[in-house]
Amino acid sequence: MPSFDIVSEVNKQEVDNAVNQAKKEVTTRFDFKNLPVEITLDKLEIKLMTTSEKIDALKEIVESKLIKRGVSAQVLDYQKPEEGSMGTKRIVAKLINGISKEKAKEINQAIKDLKLKVQPAIHDDRIRVTSKSIDELQTVIQSIKAKNLGIPLQFTNMRS
C-alpha cells in the first residue's frame, strides 16, 4: 500500500555552516565594529549575545544565513531574552527537531478534515500516511504544504 512520512528534521551540518557564515559576516560589518558579539551553536540551540540595540540585527543575520543554506527560519524557537552586564542582551534560539505531540495531532486532524481515503498514524516524532491511491497521498502533501503550521515539514519515504 502506498505511503509516505511527514517529518520535521534539521540538517545540523547546514545549521553549523550558517552559524559560521554569520560569525564571518559580523566580523566584517561596520555596525558591529567594537561591539561585543557572540554566536555559538550547542547541539540543538544557537546562543546570540550582543548589545541590546543590535540583537535584532544579529537575529536577522543568522536567519538570513539559515535561509540561504536551505534551512527554514521556522526551526528557530526563540526563548525569552536575558539582560547581561554592560548593556548586553542574550537570546537562546532552540532548534525545533521532530514533530511535537500537539503538532502531530493538529496535522492528523488537518489530514482527516480533507475527507480523503487516507490513514494518518502518529509514530513518535513522525506521521505516516497510507492510502490505496497515490493521487490522494499527493493531495495530502499539497494540502499540508499550503497550511502554515509553524514548523518546517518534509515529506519522506514515499513508497508505492
Protein backbone atom coordinates (compact mmCIF):
# COMPACT_ATOMS: atom_id res chain seq x y z
CA MET A 1 0.00 0.00 0.00
CA PRO A 2 1.47 3.43 -0.92
CA SER A 3 2.61 5.60 1.97
CA PHE A 4 4.86 8.49 2.99
CA ASP A 5 6.14 10.05 6.21
CA ILE A 6 5.74 13.62 7.40
CA VAL A 7 8.78 14.66 9.45
CA SER A 8 10.40 17.82 10.77
CA GLU A 9 14.17 17.39 10.77
CA VAL A 10 17.00 19.89 10.92
CA ASN A 11 20.11 19.48 8.80
CA LYS A 12 22.67 20.08 11.55
CA GLN A 13 25.56 20.48 9.11
CA GLU A 14 23.78 23.27 7.25
CA VAL A 15 22.93 24.97 10.57
CA ASP A 16 26.61 24.77 11.55
CA ASN A 17 27.63 26.25 8.19
CA ALA A 18 25.06 29.06 8.56
CA VAL A 19 26.32 29.92 12.05
CA ASN A 20 29.92 30.04 10.80
CA GLN A 21 28.89 32.32 7.91
CA ALA A 22 27.02 34.59 10.33
CA LYS A 23 30.13 34.83 12.53
CA LYS A 24 32.22 35.84 9.48
CA GLU A 25 29.68 38.46 8.39
CA VAL A 26 29.52 40.02 11.85
CA THR A 27 33.31 40.48 11.91
CA THR A 28 33.20 42.40 8.61
CA ARG A 29 30.15 44.58 9.28
CA PHE A 30 30.83 48.17 10.24
CA ASP A 31 27.79 48.48 12.54
CA PHE A 32 29.14 45.66 14.77
CA LYS A 33 32.65 47.12 14.98
CA ASN A 34 33.97 47.39 18.58
CA LEU A 35 30.82 45.74 19.98
CA PRO A 36 30.73 42.52 22.00
CA VAL A 37 29.21 39.87 19.71
CA GLU A 38 28.93 36.16 20.34
CA ILE A 39 27.24 33.45 18.26
CA THR A 40 27.57 29.88 19.49
CA LEU A 41 25.99 26.59 18.45
CA ASP A 42 25.42 23.96 21.13
CA LYS A 43 23.77 20.72 19.99
CA LEU A 44 20.20 21.93 19.39
CA GLU A 45 20.41 25.62 20.28
CA ILE A 46 22.03 28.80 18.97
CA LYS A 47 23.10 31.39 21.53
CA LEU A 48 23.25 35.03 20.44
CA MET A 49 24.79 37.83 22.53
CA THR A 50 25.42 41.50 21.72
CA THR A 51 24.26 44.95 22.81
CA SER A 52 20.52 45.47 23.36
CA GLU A 53 20.02 47.66 20.28
CA LYS A 54 21.85 45.28 17.92
CA ILE A 55 20.29 41.96 18.99
CA ASP A 56 17.55 42.12 16.35
CA ALA A 57 20.11 42.75 13.60
CA LEU A 58 22.09 39.75 14.83
CA LYS A 59 18.95 37.58 14.70
CA GLU A 60 18.30 38.74 11.12
CA ILE A 61 21.86 37.84 10.08
CA VAL A 62 21.56 34.31 11.48
CA GLU A 63 18.09 33.81 9.95
CA SER A 64 19.24 35.03 6.52
CA LYS A 65 22.24 32.68 6.59
CA LEU A 66 19.98 29.76 7.53
CA ILE A 67 17.61 30.55 4.66
CA LYS A 68 20.49 30.81 2.18
CA ARG A 69 21.65 27.36 3.33
CA GLY A 70 18.18 25.91 2.68
CA VAL A 71 17.11 25.71 6.34
CA SER A 72 13.77 27.31 7.21
CA ALA A 73 13.86 30.09 9.80
CA GLN A 74 10.86 28.34 11.39
CA VAL A 75 13.27 25.88 13.03
CA LEU A 76 14.25 28.62 15.48
CA ASP A 77 12.25 28.81 18.70
CA TYR A 78 13.44 32.00 20.42
CA GLN A 79 13.41 31.91 24.21
CA LYS A 80 12.92 34.93 26.48
CA PRO A 81 15.80 37.43 26.10
CA GLU A 82 18.11 37.79 29.11
CA GLU A 83 19.76 41.05 30.12
CA GLY A 84 23.52 40.82 30.56
CA SER A 85 26.15 43.08 32.03
CA MET A 86 27.13 46.41 30.44
CA GLY A 87 24.00 46.73 28.27
CA THR A 88 24.27 43.35 26.57
CA LYS A 89 21.39 41.04 25.76
CA ARG A 90 21.44 37.28 25.30
CA ILE A 91 18.90 35.19 23.39
CA VAL A 92 18.80 31.43 23.05
CA ALA A 93 17.16 30.02 19.92
CA LYS A 94 16.29 26.35 20.28
CA LEU A 95 16.22 24.30 17.08
CA ILE A 96 12.92 22.51 16.56
CA ASN A 97 13.68 18.91 15.65
CA GLY A 98 10.80 16.46 15.33
CA ILE A 99 7.06 16.95 15.49
CA SER A 100 5.62 17.51 18.97
CA LYS A 101 2.55 15.53 20.06
CA GLU A 102 0.35 18.65 19.83
CA LYS A 103 1.54 19.48 16.29
CA ALA A 104 1.16 15.84 15.28
CA LYS A 105 -2.47 15.87 16.44
CA GLU A 106 -3.04 19.15 14.57
CA ILE A 107 -1.58 17.71 11.35
CA ASN A 108 -3.53 14.50 11.85
CA GLN A 109 -6.77 16.47 12.19
CA ALA A 110 -5.95 18.58 9.10
CA ILE A 111 -5.49 15.37 7.09
CA LYS A 112 -8.77 13.92 8.37
CA ASP A 113 -10.57 17.17 7.53
CA LEU A 114 -9.70 16.59 3.85
CA LYS A 115 -12.19 13.69 3.84
CA LEU A 116 -9.93 11.53 1.65
CA LYS A 117 -9.43 7.80 1.93
CA VAL A 118 -6.10 8.07 3.74
CA GLN A 119 -4.98 6.78 7.12
CA PRO A 120 -2.62 9.04 9.10
CA ALA A 121 -0.81 7.40 12.03
CA ILE A 122 1.47 9.09 14.56
CA HIS A 123 4.77 7.25 15.18
CA ASP A 124 6.98 9.03 17.76
CA ASP A 125 8.02 12.28 16.03
CA ARG A 126 6.74 11.44 12.55
CA ILE A 127 3.39 10.83 10.88
CA ARG A 128 2.93 8.00 8.39
CA VAL A 129 0.13 8.47 5.86
CA THR A 130 -1.10 5.46 3.88
CA SER A 131 -3.67 5.09 1.12
CA LYS A 132 -4.53 2.90 -1.84
CA SER A 133 -4.27 5.91 -4.15
CA ILE A 134 -1.03 7.77 -4.82
CA ASP A 135 -3.10 10.70 -6.11
CA GLU A 136 -4.77 11.08 -2.71
CA LEU A 137 -1.37 11.00 -1.00
CA GLN A 138 -0.16 13.75 -3.29
CA THR A 139 -3.30 15.76 -2.49
CA VAL A 140 -2.48 15.40 1.22
CA ILE A 141 1.09 16.62 0.61
CA GLN A 142 -0.12 19.68 -1.32
CA SER A 143 -2.71 20.49 1.35
CA ILE A 144 -0.24 20.22 4.24
CA LYS A 145 2.33 22.32 2.33
CA ALA A 146 -0.30 25.03 1.81
CA LYS A 147 -1.06 25.28 5.55
CA ASN A 148 1.30 27.31 7.72
CA LEU A 149 1.73 25.05 10.73
CA GLY A 150 4.62 26.95 12.31
CA ILE A 151 7.21 24.23 11.80
CA PRO A 152 9.10 23.18 8.67
CA LEU A 153 7.88 19.84 7.34
CA GLN A 154 9.50 17.37 4.98
CA PHE A 155 7.76 14.53 3.15
CA THR A 156 9.94 11.43 3.05
CA ASN A 157 9.84 7.68 2.33
CA MET A 158 7.28 7.86 -0.48
CA ARG A 159 6.53 4.24 -1.29
CA SER A 160 4.20 2.93 -3.93
